[in-house]
Structure formats: structure tokens, C-alpha cells
N, C-alpha and C. Protein backbone atom coordinates (compact mmCIF):
# COMPACT_ATOMS: atom_id res chain seq x y z
N MET A 1 0.78 -1.24 -0.03
CA MET A 1 0.05 -0.08 -0.06
C MET A 1 0.86 1.31 -0.03
N TYR A 2 0.49 2.21 -0.80
CA TYR A 2 1.28 3.41 -0.69
C TYR A 2 0.22 4.63 -0.91
N PHE A 3 0.56 5.83 -0.53
CA PHE A 3 -0.11 7.00 -0.74
C PHE A 3 0.70 7.97 -1.76
N GLY A 4 0.22 8.59 -2.63
CA GLY A 4 0.96 9.46 -3.53
C GLY A 4 0.31 10.06 -4.66
N ILE A 5 1.09 10.53 -5.42
CA ILE A 5 0.60 11.26 -6.70
C ILE A 5 0.87 10.50 -7.80
N VAL A 6 0.06 10.25 -8.72
CA VAL A 6 0.32 9.32 -9.95
C VAL A 6 1.42 9.92 -10.92
N ASN A 7 1.40 11.13 -11.16
CA ASN A 7 2.32 11.69 -12.04
C ASN A 7 3.47 12.58 -11.31
N ALA A 8 4.25 12.00 -10.62
CA ALA A 8 5.20 12.66 -9.88
C ALA A 8 6.01 13.78 -10.51
N ALA A 9 6.40 13.49 -11.73
CA ALA A 9 7.19 14.43 -12.55
C ALA A 9 6.57 15.82 -12.82
N ALA A 10 5.34 15.88 -12.68
CA ALA A 10 4.53 17.12 -12.79
C ALA A 10 3.99 17.54 -11.50
N ALA A 11 4.35 16.99 -10.33
CA ALA A 11 3.80 17.35 -9.17
C ALA A 11 4.01 18.61 -8.63
N SER A 12 3.15 19.21 -8.01
CA SER A 12 3.16 20.51 -7.33
C SER A 12 2.05 20.57 -6.44
N GLY A 13 2.16 21.42 -5.36
CA GLY A 13 1.06 21.70 -4.49
C GLY A 13 1.51 21.25 -3.04
N LYS A 14 0.49 21.13 -2.35
CA LYS A 14 0.74 20.65 -0.97
C LYS A 14 -0.02 19.33 -0.58
N ILE A 15 0.70 18.54 0.04
CA ILE A 15 0.12 17.17 0.55
C ILE A 15 0.04 17.21 2.12
N THR A 16 -1.03 16.87 2.75
CA THR A 16 -1.08 16.69 4.10
C THR A 16 -1.17 15.30 4.62
N ILE A 17 -0.29 14.73 5.47
CA ILE A 17 -0.50 13.34 5.83
C ILE A 17 -0.66 13.37 7.38
N TRP A 18 -1.85 12.79 7.66
CA TRP A 18 -2.30 12.47 9.08
C TRP A 18 -1.78 11.30 9.61
N CYS A 19 -1.04 11.21 10.78
CA CYS A 19 -0.44 10.00 11.28
C CYS A 19 -0.43 10.13 12.84
N TRP A 20 -0.40 9.02 13.46
CA TRP A 20 -0.66 8.86 15.00
C TRP A 20 0.49 8.32 15.84
N ASP A 21 1.40 7.59 15.34
CA ASP A 21 2.52 7.08 16.19
C ASP A 21 3.83 7.70 16.03
N PRO A 22 4.26 8.58 16.97
CA PRO A 22 5.49 9.22 16.74
C PRO A 22 6.70 8.30 16.55
N ASN A 23 6.65 7.16 17.03
CA ASN A 23 7.80 6.19 16.99
C ASN A 23 7.80 5.43 15.65
N PHE A 24 6.71 5.45 14.98
CA PHE A 24 6.49 4.64 13.74
C PHE A 24 5.99 5.39 12.63
N ASN A 25 4.62 5.72 12.59
CA ASN A 25 4.08 6.60 11.46
C ASN A 25 4.67 7.86 11.39
N VAL A 26 4.81 8.63 12.36
CA VAL A 26 5.26 9.92 12.17
C VAL A 26 6.74 10.00 11.54
N ALA A 27 7.56 9.20 12.29
CA ALA A 27 8.91 9.07 11.91
C ALA A 27 9.12 8.61 10.45
N ILE A 28 8.29 7.73 9.99
CA ILE A 28 8.34 7.14 8.59
C ILE A 28 7.82 8.19 7.62
N MET A 29 6.69 8.91 7.93
CA MET A 29 6.19 9.87 7.01
C MET A 29 7.07 10.98 6.93
N GLU A 30 7.70 11.42 8.02
CA GLU A 30 8.66 12.50 7.85
C GLU A 30 9.72 12.21 6.96
N GLU A 31 10.42 11.07 6.99
CA GLU A 31 11.57 10.45 6.14
C GLU A 31 10.94 10.45 4.66
N ALA A 32 9.81 9.91 4.59
CA ALA A 32 9.20 9.81 3.17
C ALA A 32 9.04 11.18 2.66
N ALA A 33 8.56 12.13 3.36
CA ALA A 33 8.24 13.42 2.98
C ALA A 33 9.67 14.22 2.50
N ALA A 34 10.56 14.02 3.37
CA ALA A 34 11.97 14.43 2.97
C ALA A 34 12.47 13.99 1.70
N ARG A 35 12.35 12.73 1.57
CA ARG A 35 12.89 12.18 0.23
C ARG A 35 12.05 12.59 -0.94
N TYR A 36 10.69 12.53 -0.66
CA TYR A 36 9.72 12.97 -1.95
C TYR A 36 10.11 14.39 -2.23
N THR A 37 10.03 15.30 -1.17
CA THR A 37 10.25 16.80 -1.64
C THR A 37 11.69 17.14 -2.11
N LYS A 38 12.65 16.20 -1.74
CA LYS A 38 13.95 16.36 -2.45
C LYS A 38 13.85 16.20 -3.87
N ALA A 39 13.06 15.08 -4.25
CA ALA A 39 12.92 14.78 -5.84
C ALA A 39 11.92 15.52 -6.41
N ASN A 40 10.95 16.24 -5.59
CA ASN A 40 9.86 17.13 -6.11
C ASN A 40 9.81 18.20 -5.48
N PRO A 41 10.67 19.23 -5.68
CA PRO A 41 10.78 20.53 -4.88
C PRO A 41 9.53 21.32 -5.11
N LYS A 42 8.60 21.16 -5.86
CA LYS A 42 7.46 21.93 -5.98
C LYS A 42 6.33 21.50 -5.07
N VAL A 43 6.54 20.41 -4.37
CA VAL A 43 5.67 19.81 -3.51
C VAL A 43 6.02 20.03 -2.11
N GLU A 44 4.96 20.65 -1.40
CA GLU A 44 5.06 20.93 0.15
C GLU A 44 4.32 19.70 0.74
N ILE A 45 5.03 19.10 1.87
CA ILE A 45 4.30 17.98 2.47
C ILE A 45 4.34 18.33 3.95
N GLU A 46 3.04 18.35 4.51
CA GLU A 46 2.89 18.62 5.98
C GLU A 46 2.70 17.22 6.59
N VAL A 47 3.32 16.83 7.61
CA VAL A 47 3.11 15.70 8.41
C VAL A 47 2.43 16.14 9.67
N VAL A 48 1.23 15.71 10.01
CA VAL A 48 0.42 16.05 11.22
C VAL A 48 0.36 14.86 12.00
N SER A 49 0.76 14.96 13.22
CA SER A 49 0.65 14.03 14.24
C SER A 49 -0.57 14.31 15.17
N MET A 50 -1.45 13.30 15.29
CA MET A 50 -2.52 13.39 16.17
C MET A 50 -3.00 12.02 16.73
N ALA A 51 -4.02 12.00 17.55
CA ALA A 51 -4.40 10.67 18.16
C ALA A 51 -4.98 9.85 17.09
N LYS A 52 -4.86 8.64 17.13
CA LYS A 52 -5.40 7.66 16.08
C LYS A 52 -7.00 7.86 15.94
N GLU A 53 -7.63 7.99 17.11
CA GLU A 53 -9.02 8.23 16.94
C GLU A 53 -9.42 9.62 16.18
N ASP A 54 -8.43 10.58 16.26
CA ASP A 54 -8.78 11.77 15.54
C ASP A 54 -8.72 11.50 14.05
N VAL A 55 -7.64 10.82 13.77
CA VAL A 55 -7.38 10.42 12.20
C VAL A 55 -8.58 9.70 11.63
N GLU A 56 -9.18 8.79 12.51
CA GLU A 56 -10.21 8.01 11.99
C GLU A 56 -11.51 8.86 11.85
N GLN A 57 -11.58 9.58 12.83
CA GLN A 57 -12.80 10.70 12.78
C GLN A 57 -12.73 11.60 11.45
N LYS A 58 -11.52 12.09 11.26
CA LYS A 58 -11.41 12.95 10.01
C LYS A 58 -11.61 12.16 8.75
N LEU A 59 -11.14 10.98 8.67
CA LEU A 59 -11.28 10.10 7.40
C LEU A 59 -12.79 9.70 7.26
N ASN A 60 -13.54 9.46 8.47
CA ASN A 60 -15.02 9.01 8.42
C ASN A 60 -15.64 10.23 7.86
N THR A 61 -15.46 11.50 8.34
CA THR A 61 -16.13 12.77 8.00
C THR A 61 -15.86 13.02 6.54
N ILE A 62 -14.60 12.88 6.17
CA ILE A 62 -14.36 13.27 4.66
C ILE A 62 -15.12 12.31 3.70
N LEU A 63 -14.98 10.97 4.01
CA LEU A 63 -15.66 9.92 3.22
C LEU A 63 -17.14 10.08 3.34
N ALA A 64 -17.72 10.39 4.44
CA ALA A 64 -19.21 10.51 4.58
C ALA A 64 -19.61 11.68 3.76
N SER A 65 -18.81 12.65 3.54
CA SER A 65 -19.20 13.80 2.82
C SER A 65 -19.25 13.70 1.30
N GLY A 66 -18.71 12.51 0.90
CA GLY A 66 -18.74 12.23 -0.57
C GLY A 66 -17.55 12.80 -1.35
N VAL A 67 -16.60 13.32 -0.58
CA VAL A 67 -15.39 13.96 -1.21
C VAL A 67 -14.55 12.72 -1.72
N LYS A 68 -14.29 12.79 -3.02
CA LYS A 68 -13.29 11.57 -3.49
C LYS A 68 -12.01 12.29 -3.91
N LYS A 69 -12.10 13.59 -4.41
CA LYS A 69 -10.93 14.28 -4.95
C LYS A 69 -10.19 14.58 -3.64
N LYS A 70 -8.70 14.43 -4.01
CA LYS A 70 -7.68 14.80 -2.93
C LYS A 70 -7.51 13.73 -1.87
N VAL A 71 -8.22 12.89 -1.88
CA VAL A 71 -8.05 11.51 -1.05
C VAL A 71 -7.74 10.44 -2.01
N PHE A 72 -6.31 10.00 -1.86
CA PHE A 72 -5.89 9.01 -2.83
C PHE A 72 -5.12 7.83 -2.07
N ARG A 73 -5.55 6.79 -2.29
CA ARG A 73 -4.84 5.55 -1.72
C ARG A 73 -4.92 4.46 -2.70
N LYS A 74 -3.86 3.87 -2.80
CA LYS A 74 -3.50 2.75 -3.84
C LYS A 74 -2.99 1.64 -2.91
N SER A 75 -3.79 0.48 -3.09
CA SER A 75 -3.41 -0.89 -2.38
C SER A 75 -2.92 -1.90 -3.38
N TYR A 76 -2.02 -2.59 -3.03
CA TYR A 76 -1.52 -3.82 -3.75
C TYR A 76 -1.79 -5.10 -3.07
């Protein structure tokens, strides 16, 4: 599973990543953000640490609203 932009060569804008475990999710996402922005300098990535329950609530709210744009998840 990964989160990302399909056409990274033309990527620009801001990506916000919500995560909850400072010893795992947050550290990995900050490392991923650093690597991604190094290769894609027009992209700004904000890693936001919060309680897992808050992440779940935000996702449920977004999905319930019918918003599909800007939420991208690809699983293998």
C-alpha cells in the first residue's frame, strides 16, 4: 500500500499526511516527505501527528461527505 501522486514528474502543491504514532508512522512519514520533496521540490508535505481516533474521525467525516478528490490511496 502507498499514498502518493500518480504523475510525480509534474507534481506541485501541498500534501497533508495525518498519522498517529511518533515512534513509527510519524517518523516514517517525515522521512518519506523529506525524500519525496527532495525529488519533487514543487511539492510541500505537511506531516500532522494526532491521536489515532482523531485520524479515524477525520477520514470518516471526509468519506461521509462524498469527497473523493484529494483523497488518494492505492493498495496492492
